[in-house]
Amino acid sequence: MERVVLDYADSITITDRDVSDELFDRLREHFDDEQIVELTAAIAIENFRARFNDALDVPPSGFSEGVYCPLPERAAAGERTV
C-alpha cells in the first residue's frame, strides 16, 4: 500500500506527469473515493508548503533537520498508555 501512495505522490508532484488510469486502479484497491480525495489534499498541501517555503527561502524549523520522521513509541503488549 505504501508503494502505491508514494507512486501517486510522485505523479501529482512532478509537473509534467499525469496520473494514469492504472495508478488510480491501484489506489482504489486500497482506498475509497473519500480517502483518495483526502490523500490528494494532503499531498497537494505539502507540495504547496514546500514550494512556498523554497520561494521565500524559509529555512526548516529544525525539529528533525529533515533527516527522518519520528514515530511515537508503541506500548508493549498489554501495557496501558494512559
PDB file of N, CA and C in Angstrom:
ATOM      1  N   MET A   1       0.825  -1.193   0.000  1.00  0.00           N
ATOM      2  CA  MET A   1       0.000   0.000   0.000  1.00  0.00           C
ATOM      3  C   MET A   1       0.871   1.260   0.000  1.00  0.00           C
ATOM      4  N   GLU A   2       1.968   1.245   0.762  1.00  0.00           N
ATOM      5  CA  GLU A   2       2.841   2.420   0.826  1.00  0.00           C
ATOM      6  C   GLU A   2       3.414   2.760  -0.543  1.00  0.00           C
ATOM      7  N   ARG A   3       3.750   1.714  -1.322  1.00  0.00           N
ATOM      8  CA  ARG A   3       4.343   1.940  -2.650  1.00  0.00           C
ATOM      9  C   ARG A   3       3.379   2.682  -3.566  1.00  0.00           C
ATOM     10  N   VAL A   4       2.101   2.319  -3.551  1.00  0.00           N
ATOM     11  CA  VAL A   4       1.131   2.988  -4.421  1.00  0.00           C
ATOM     12  C   VAL A   4       0.930   4.440  -3.987  1.00  0.00           C
ATOM     13  N   VAL A   5       0.971   4.712  -2.680  1.00  0.00           N
ATOM     14  CA  VAL A   5       0.844   6.092  -2.196  1.00  0.00           C
ATOM     15  C   VAL A   5       2.046   6.922  -2.632  1.00  0.00           C
ATOM     16  N   LEU A   6       3.240   6.349  -2.526  1.00  0.00           N
ATOM     17  CA  LEU A   6       4.435   7.067  -2.979  1.00  0.00           C
ATOM     18  C   LEU A   6       4.415   7.297  -4.497  1.00  0.00           C
ATOM     19  N   ASP A   7       3.975   6.302  -5.247  1.00  0.00           N
ATOM     20  CA  ASP A   7       3.855   6.473  -6.698  1.00  0.00           C
ATOM     21  C   ASP A   7       2.854   7.578  -7.030  1.00  0.00           C
ATOM     22  N   TYR A   8       1.755   7.615  -6.298  1.00  0.00           N
ATOM     23  CA  TYR A   8       0.737   8.658  -6.501  1.00  0.00           C
ATOM     24  C   TYR A   8       1.299  10.035  -6.157  1.00  0.00           C
ATOM     25  N   ALA A   9       1.993  10.129  -5.029  1.00  0.00           N
ATOM     26  CA  ALA A   9       2.596  11.407  -4.636  1.00  0.00           C
ATOM     27  C   ALA A   9       3.576  11.892  -5.696  1.00  0.00           C
ATOM     28  N   ASP A  10       4.395  10.986  -6.211  1.00  0.00           N
ATOM     29  CA  ASP A  10       5.322  11.357  -7.287  1.00  0.00           C
ATOM     30  C   ASP A  10       4.568  11.858  -8.512  1.00  0.00           C
ATOM     31  N   SER A  11       3.501  11.160  -8.874  1.00  0.00           N
ATOM     32  CA  SER A  11       2.754  11.522 -10.079  1.00  0.00           C
ATOM     33  C   SER A  11       2.105  12.902  -9.986  1.00  0.00           C
ATOM     34  N   ILE A  12       1.604  13.263  -8.797  1.00  0.00           N
ATOM     35  CA  ILE A  12       0.970  14.581  -8.708  1.00  0.00           C
ATOM     36  C   ILE A  12       1.950  15.681  -8.312  1.00  0.00           C
ATOM     37  N   THR A  13       3.163  15.292  -7.928  1.00  0.00           N
ATOM     38  CA  THR A  13       4.177  16.279  -7.573  1.00  0.00           C
ATOM     39  C   THR A  13       4.983  16.716  -8.787  1.00  0.00           C
ATOM     40  N   ILE A  14       5.316  15.767  -9.642  1.00  0.00           N
ATOM     41  CA  ILE A  14       6.109  16.077 -10.837  1.00  0.00           C
ATOM     42  C   ILE A  14       5.202  16.745 -11.853  1.00  0.00           C
ATOM     43  N   THR A  15       5.532  17.972 -12.227  1.00  0.00           N
ATOM     44  CA  THR A  15       4.657  18.826 -13.018  1.00  0.00           C
ATOM     45  C   THR A  15       4.252  18.246 -14.370  1.00  0.00           C
ATOM     46  N   ASP A  16       5.173  17.642 -15.083  1.00  0.00           N
ATOM     47  CA  ASP A  16       4.857  17.194 -16.442  1.00  0.00           C
ATOM     48  C   ASP A  16       4.332  15.760 -16.510  1.00  0.00           C
ATOM     49  N   ARG A  17       3.858  15.228 -15.410  1.00  0.00           N
ATOM     50  CA  ARG A  17       3.376  13.856 -15.363  1.00  0.00           C
ATOM     51  C   ARG A  17       1.892  13.828 -15.030  1.00  0.00           C
ATOM     52  N   ASP A  18       1.158  12.932 -15.674  1.00  0.00           N
ATOM     53  CA  ASP A  18      -0.259  12.734 -15.369  1.00  0.00           C
ATOM     54  C   ASP A  18      -0.428  11.485 -14.513  1.00  0.00           C
ATOM     55  N   VAL A  19      -1.534  11.411 -13.806  1.00  0.00           N
ATOM     56  CA  VAL A  19      -1.861  10.213 -13.041  1.00  0.00           C
ATOM     57  C   VAL A  19      -2.547   9.248 -14.003  1.00  0.00           C
ATOM     58  N   SER A  20      -1.960   8.092 -14.179  1.00  0.00           N
ATOM     59  CA  SER A  20      -2.507   7.121 -15.132  1.00  0.00           C
ATOM     60  C   SER A  20      -3.735   6.414 -14.560  1.00  0.00           C
ATOM     61  N   ASP A  21      -4.537   5.865 -15.464  1.00  0.00           N
ATOM     62  CA  ASP A  21      -5.690   5.066 -15.036  1.00  0.00           C
ATOM     63  C   ASP A  21      -5.228   3.849 -14.234  1.00  0.00           C
ATOM     64  N   GLU A  22      -4.098   3.271 -14.627  1.00  0.00           N
ATOM     65  CA  GLU A  22      -3.549   2.117 -13.927  1.00  0.00           C
ATOM     66  C   GLU A  22      -3.214   2.469 -12.479  1.00  0.00           C
ATOM     67  N   LEU A  23      -2.640   3.657 -12.266  1.00  0.00           N
ATOM     68  CA  LEU A  23      -2.303   4.083 -10.903  1.00  0.00           C
ATOM     69  C   LEU A  23      -3.566   4.323 -10.090  1.00  0.00           C
ATOM     70  N   PHE A  24      -4.583   4.944 -10.691  1.00  0.00           N
ATOM     71  CA  PHE A  24      -5.850   5.128  -9.972  1.00  0.00           C
ATOM     72  C   PHE A  24      -6.482   3.786  -9.615  1.00  0.00           C
ATOM     73  N   ASP A  25      -6.397   2.821 -10.512  1.00  0.00           N
ATOM     74  CA  ASP A  25      -6.919   1.486 -10.209  1.00  0.00           C
ATOM     75  C   ASP A  25      -6.185   0.879  -9.018  1.00  0.00           C
ATOM     76  N   ARG A  26      -4.860   1.055  -8.967  1.00  0.00           N
ATOM     77  CA  ARG A  26      -4.078   0.557  -7.828  1.00  0.00           C
ATOM     78  C   ARG A  26      -4.480   1.260  -6.535  1.00  0.00           C
ATOM     79  N   LEU A  27      -4.722   2.571  -6.596  1.00  0.00           N
ATOM     80  CA  LEU A  27      -5.176   3.305  -5.407  1.00  0.00           C
ATOM     81  C   LEU A  27      -6.518   2.780  -4.915  1.00  0.00           C
ATOM     82  N   ARG A  28      -7.420   2.523  -5.858  1.00  0.00           N
ATOM     83  CA  ARG A  28      -8.774   2.072  -5.496  1.00  0.00           C
ATOM     84  C   ARG A  28      -8.790   0.672  -4.891  1.00  0.00           C
ATOM     85  N   GLU A  29      -7.708  -0.069  -5.048  1.00  0.00           N
ATOM     86  CA  GLU A  29      -7.608  -1.367  -4.382  1.00  0.00           C
ATOM     87  C   GLU A  29      -7.476  -1.195  -2.867  1.00  0.00           C
ATOM     88  N   HIS A  30      -7.008  -0.017  -2.435  1.00  0.00           N
ATOM     89  CA  HIS A  30      -6.742   0.225  -1.012  1.00  0.00           C
ATOM     90  C   HIS A  30      -7.597   1.326  -0.399  1.00  0.00           C
ATOM     91  N   PHE A  31      -8.093   2.255  -1.215  1.00  0.00           N
ATOM     92  CA  PHE A  31      -8.788   3.439  -0.701  1.00  0.00           C
ATOM     93  C   PHE A  31     -10.102   3.660  -1.426  1.00  0.00           C
ATOM     94  N   ASP A  32     -11.094   4.216  -0.702  1.00  0.00           N
ATOM     95  CA  ASP A  32     -12.331   4.617  -1.365  1.00  0.00           C
ATOM     96  C   ASP A  32     -12.162   6.048  -1.880  1.00  0.00           C
ATOM     97  N   ASP A  33     -13.174   6.571  -2.570  1.00  0.00           N
ATOM     98  CA  ASP A  33     -13.063   7.895  -3.187  1.00  0.00           C
ATOM     99  C   ASP A  33     -12.778   8.997  -2.168  1.00  0.00           C
ATOM    100  N   GLU A  34     -13.456   8.952  -1.019  1.00  0.00           N
ATOM    101  CA  GLU A  34     -13.231   9.981   0.012  1.00  0.00           C
ATOM    102  C   GLU A  34     -11.790   9.949   0.513  1.00  0.00           C
ATOM    103  N   GLN A  35     -11.240   8.769   0.683  1.00  0.00           N
ATOM    104  CA  GLN A  35      -9.856   8.641   1.148  1.00  0.00           C
ATOM    105  C   GLN A  35      -8.867   9.134   0.092  1.00  0.00           C
ATOM    106  N   ILE A  36      -9.171   8.890  -1.179  1.00  0.00           N
ATOM    107  CA  ILE A  36      -8.301   9.374  -2.255  1.00  0.00           C
ATOM    108  C   ILE A  36      -8.320  10.892  -2.302  1.00  0.00           C
ATOM    109  N   VAL A  37      -9.486  11.498  -2.087  1.00  0.00           N
ATOM    110  CA  VAL A  37      -9.571  12.963  -2.045  1.00  0.00           C
ATOM    111  C   VAL A  37      -8.746  13.500  -0.878  1.00  0.00           C
ATOM    112  N   GLU A  38      -8.852  12.875   0.291  1.00  0.00           N
ATOM    113  CA  GLU A  38      -8.091  13.317   1.461  1.00  0.00           C
ATOM    114  C   GLU A  38      -6.585  13.150   1.228  1.00  0.00           C
ATOM    115  N   LEU A  39      -6.190  12.031   0.653  1.00  0.00           N
ATOM    116  CA  LEU A  39      -4.786  11.791   0.334  1.00  0.00           C
ATOM    117  C   LEU A  39      -4.264  12.825  -0.652  1.00  0.00           C
ATOM    118  N   THR A  40      -5.046  13.111  -1.676  1.00  0.00           N
ATOM    119  CA  THR A  40      -4.670  14.114  -2.680  1.00  0.00           C
ATOM    120  C   THR A  40      -4.501  15.484  -2.039  1.00  0.00           C
ATOM    121  N   ALA A  41      -5.422  15.846  -1.161  1.00  0.00           N
ATOM    122  CA  ALA A  41      -5.324  17.140  -0.472  1.00  0.00           C
ATOM    123  C   ALA A  41      -4.068  17.215   0.381  1.00  0.00           C
ATOM    124  N   ALA A  42      -3.759  16.155   1.115  1.00  0.00           N
ATOM    125  CA  ALA A  42      -2.567  16.155   1.974  1.00  0.00           C
ATOM    126  C   ALA A  42      -1.290  16.311   1.144  1.00  0.00           C
ATOM    127  N   ILE A  43      -1.214  15.601   0.029  1.00  0.00           N
ATOM    128  CA  ILE A  43      -0.033  15.706  -0.839  1.00  0.00           C
ATOM    129  C   ILE A  43       0.064  17.100  -1.442  1.00  0.00           C
ATOM    130  N   ALA A  44      -1.065  17.627  -1.904  1.00  0.00           N
ATOM    131  CA  ALA A  44      -1.074  18.963  -2.518  1.00  0.00           C
ATOM    132  C   ALA A  44      -0.676  20.037  -1.516  1.00  0.00           C
ATOM    133  N   ILE A  45      -1.145  19.925  -0.282  1.00  0.00           N
ATOM    134  CA  ILE A  45      -0.794  20.911   0.751  1.00  0.00           C
ATOM    135  C   ILE A  45       0.705  20.867   1.042  1.00  0.00           C
ATOM    136  N   GLU A  46       1.275  19.668   1.126  1.00  0.00           N
ATOM    137  CA  GLU A  46       2.718  19.555   1.369  1.00  0.00           C
ATOM    138  C   GLU A  46       3.515  20.119   0.203  1.00  0.00           C
ATOM    139  N   ASN A  47       3.046  19.892  -1.028  1.00  0.00           N
ATOM    140  CA  ASN A  47       3.718  20.474  -2.191  1.00  0.00           C
ATOM    141  C   ASN A  47       3.632  22.000  -2.160  1.00  0.00           C
ATOM    142  N   PHE A  48       2.457  22.520  -1.819  1.00  0.00           N
ATOM    143  CA  PHE A  48       2.281  23.969  -1.704  1.00  0.00           C
ATOM    144  C   PHE A  48       3.238  24.539  -0.668  1.00  0.00           C
ATOM    145  N   ARG A  49       3.272  23.901   0.493  1.00  0.00           N
ATOM    146  CA  ARG A  49       4.107  24.387   1.588  1.00  0.00           C
ATOM    147  C   ARG A  49       5.588  24.368   1.202  1.00  0.00           C
ATOM    148  N   ALA A  50       6.020  23.288   0.569  1.00  0.00           N
ATOM    149  CA  ALA A  50       7.422  23.180   0.175  1.00  0.00           C
ATOM    150  C   ALA A  50       7.791  24.246  -0.857  1.00  0.00           C
ATOM    151  N   ARG A  51       6.941  24.451  -1.839  1.00  0.00           N
ATOM    152  CA  ARG A  51       7.238  25.455  -2.872  1.00  0.00           C
ATOM    153  C   ARG A  51       7.168  26.871  -2.312  1.00  0.00           C
ATOM    154  N   PHE A  52       6.225  27.119  -1.440  1.00  0.00           N
ATOM    155  CA  PHE A  52       6.092  28.428  -0.794  1.00  0.00           C
ATOM    156  C   PHE A  52       7.350  28.739   0.010  1.00  0.00           C
ATOM    157  N   ASN A  53       7.766  27.777   0.848  1.00  0.00           N
ATOM    158  CA  ASN A  53       8.954  27.987   1.678  1.00  0.00           C
ATOM    159  C   ASN A  53      10.207  28.147   0.837  1.00  0.00           C
ATOM    160  N   ASP A  54      10.337  27.360  -0.216  1.00  0.00           N
ATOM    161  CA  ASP A  54      11.505  27.489  -1.101  1.00  0.00           C
ATOM    162  C   ASP A  54      11.536  28.863  -1.771  1.00  0.00           C
ATOM    163  N   ALA A  55      10.380  29.321  -2.255  1.00  0.00           N
ATOM    164  CA  ALA A  55      10.318  30.601  -2.959  1.00  0.00           C
ATOM    165  C   ALA A  55      10.714  31.761  -2.050  1.00  0.00           C
ATOM    166  N   LEU A  56      10.354  31.669  -0.783  1.00  0.00           N
ATOM    167  CA  LEU A  56      10.657  32.741   0.167  1.00  0.00           C
ATOM    168  C   LEU A  56      11.904  32.451   1.000  1.00  0.00           C
ATOM    169  N   ASP A  57      12.598  31.377   0.662  1.00  0.00           N
ATOM    170  CA  ASP A  57      13.825  30.972   1.355  1.00  0.00           C
ATOM    171  C   ASP A  57      13.596  30.810   2.853  1.00  0.00           C
ATOM    172  N   VAL A  58      12.461  30.192   3.210  1.00  0.00           N
ATOM    173  CA  VAL A  58      12.144  29.925   4.610  1.00  0.00           C
ATOM    174  C   VAL A  58      12.913  28.669   5.026  1.00  0.00           C
ATOM    175  N   PRO A  59      13.770  28.776   6.030  1.00  0.00           N
ATOM    176  CA  PRO A  59      14.566  27.615   6.440  1.00  0.00           C
ATOM    177  C   PRO A  59      13.724  26.608   7.223  1.00  0.00           C
ATOM    178  N   PRO A  60      14.168  25.346   7.288  1.00  0.00           N
ATOM    179  CA  PRO A  60      13.475  24.352   8.116  1.00  0.00           C
ATOM    180  C   PRO A  60      13.474  24.795   9.574  1.00  0.00           C
ATOM    181  N   SER A  61      12.484  24.363  10.321  1.00  0.00           N
ATOM    182  CA  SER A  61      12.365  24.741  11.733  1.00  0.00           C
ATOM    183  C   SER A  61      13.339  23.997  12.624  1.00  0.00           C
ATOM    184  N   GLY A  62      13.945  22.935  12.114  1.00  0.00           N
ATOM    185  CA  GLY A  62      14.951  22.227  12.882  1.00  0.00           C
ATOM    186  C   GLY A  62      14.422  21.163  13.806  1.00  0.00           C
ATOM    187  N   PHE A  63      13.144  20.784  13.664  1.00  0.00           N
ATOM    188  CA  PHE A  63      12.604  19.763  14.553  1.00  0.00           C
ATOM    189  C   PHE A  63      13.330  18.443  14.394  1.00  0.00           C
ATOM    190  N   SER A  64      13.600  18.050  13.148  1.00  0.00           N
ATOM    191  CA  SER A  64      14.347  16.811  12.918  1.00  0.00           C
ATOM    192  C   SER A  64      15.410  17.010  11.851  1.00  0.00           C
ATOM    193  N   GLU A  65      15.642  18.240  11.458  1.00  0.00           N
ATOM    194  CA  GLU A  65      16.620  18.600  10.444  1.00  0.00           C
ATOM    195  C   GLU A  65      16.405  17.850   9.142  1.00  0.00           C
ATOM    196  N   GLY A  66      15.149  17.413   8.883  1.00  0.00           N
ATOM    197  CA  GLY A  66      14.805  16.779   7.635  1.00  0.00           C
ATOM    198  C   GLY A  66      15.346  15.388   7.429  1.00  0.00           C
ATOM    199  N   VAL A  67      15.950  14.805   8.455  1.00  0.00           N
ATOM    200  CA  VAL A  67      16.589  13.510   8.302  1.00  0.00           C
ATOM    201  C   VAL A  67      15.571  12.370   8.351  1.00  0.00           C
ATOM    202  N   TYR A  68      14.564  12.480   9.174  1.00  0.00           N
ATOM    203  CA  TYR A  68      13.599  11.402   9.340  1.00  0.00           C
ATOM    204  C   TYR A  68      12.316  11.962   9.933  1.00  0.00           C
ATOM    205  N   CYS A  69      11.298  11.133   9.915  1.00  0.00           N
ATOM    206  CA  CYS A  69      10.018  11.488  10.519  1.00  0.00           C
ATOM    207  C   CYS A  69       9.841  10.615  11.754  1.00  0.00           C
ATOM    208  N   PRO A  70      10.022  11.194  12.952  1.00  0.00           N
ATOM    209  CA  PRO A  70       9.940  10.373  14.160  1.00  0.00           C
ATOM    210  C   PRO A  70       8.525   9.843  14.384  1.00  0.00           C
ATOM    211  N   LEU A  71       8.448   8.599  14.826  1.00  0.00           N
ATOM    212  CA  LEU A  71       7.164   7.973  15.130  1.00  0.00           C
ATOM    213  C   LEU A  71       7.021   7.845  16.636  1.00  0.00           C
ATOM    214  N   PRO A  72       5.782   7.908  17.135  1.00  0.00           N
ATOM    215  CA  PRO A  72       5.595   7.734  18.579  1.00  0.00           C
ATOM    216  C   PRO A  72       5.970   6.314  18.994  1.00  0.00           C
ATOM    217  N   GLU A  73       6.453   6.187  20.210  1.00  0.00           N
ATOM    218  CA  GLU A  73       6.794   4.862  20.715  1.00  0.00           C
ATOM    219  C   GLU A  73       5.530   4.074  20.957  1.00  0.00           C
ATOM    220  N   ARG A  74       5.598   2.776  20.694  1.00  0.00           N
ATOM    221  CA  ARG A  74       4.456   1.891  20.923  1.00  0.00           C
ATOM    222  C   ARG A  74       4.537   1.297  22.316  1.00  0.00           C
ATOM    223  N   ALA A  75       3.376   1.118  22.923  1.00  0.00           N
ATOM    224  CA  ALA A  75       3.322   0.472  24.233  1.00  0.00           C
ATOM    225  C   ALA A  75       3.545  -1.030  24.051  1.00  0.00           C
ATOM    226  N   ALA A  76       4.171  -1.648  25.011  1.00  0.00           N
ATOM    227  CA  ALA A  76       4.369  -3.095  24.974  1.00  0.00           C
ATOM    228  C   ALA A  76       3.017  -3.783  25.028  1.00  0.00           C
ATOM    229  N   ALA A  77       2.920  -4.983  24.520  1.00  0.00           N
ATOM    230  CA  ALA A  77       1.663  -5.735  24.513  1.00  0.00           C
ATOM    231  C   ALA A  77       1.077  -5.805  25.924  1.00  0.00           C
ATOM    232  N   GLY A  78      -0.158  -5.426  26.062  1.00  0.00           N
ATOM    233  CA  GLY A  78      -0.840  -5.471  27.340  1.00  0.00           C
ATOM    234  C   GLY A  78      -0.579  -4.263  28.234  1.00  0.00           C
ATOM    235  N   GLU A  79       0.338  -3.390  27.872  1.00  0.00           N
ATOM    236  CA  GLU A  79       0.678  -2.209  28.677  1.00  0.00           C
ATOM    237  C   GLU A  79      -0.332  -1.106  28.400  1.00  0.00           C
ATOM    238  N   ARG A  80      -0.777  -0.436  29.420  1.00  0.00           N
ATOM    239  CA  ARG A  80      -1.712   0.675  29.267  1.00  0.00           C
ATOM    240  C   ARG A  80      -0.918   1.933  28.943  1.00  0.00           C
ATOM    241  N   THR A  81      -1.481   2.789  28.076  1.00  0.00           N
ATOM    242  CA  THR A  81      -0.792   4.024  27.666  1.00  0.00           C
ATOM    243  C   THR A  81      -1.315   5.251  28.365  1.00  0.00           C
ATOM    244  N   VAL A  82      -2.262   5.079  29.278  1.00  0.00           N
ATOM    245  CA  VAL A  82      -2.852   6.239  29.962  1.00  0.00           C
ATOM    246  C   VAL A  82      -2.130   6.542  31.222  1.00  0.00           C
TER     247      VAL A  82
END
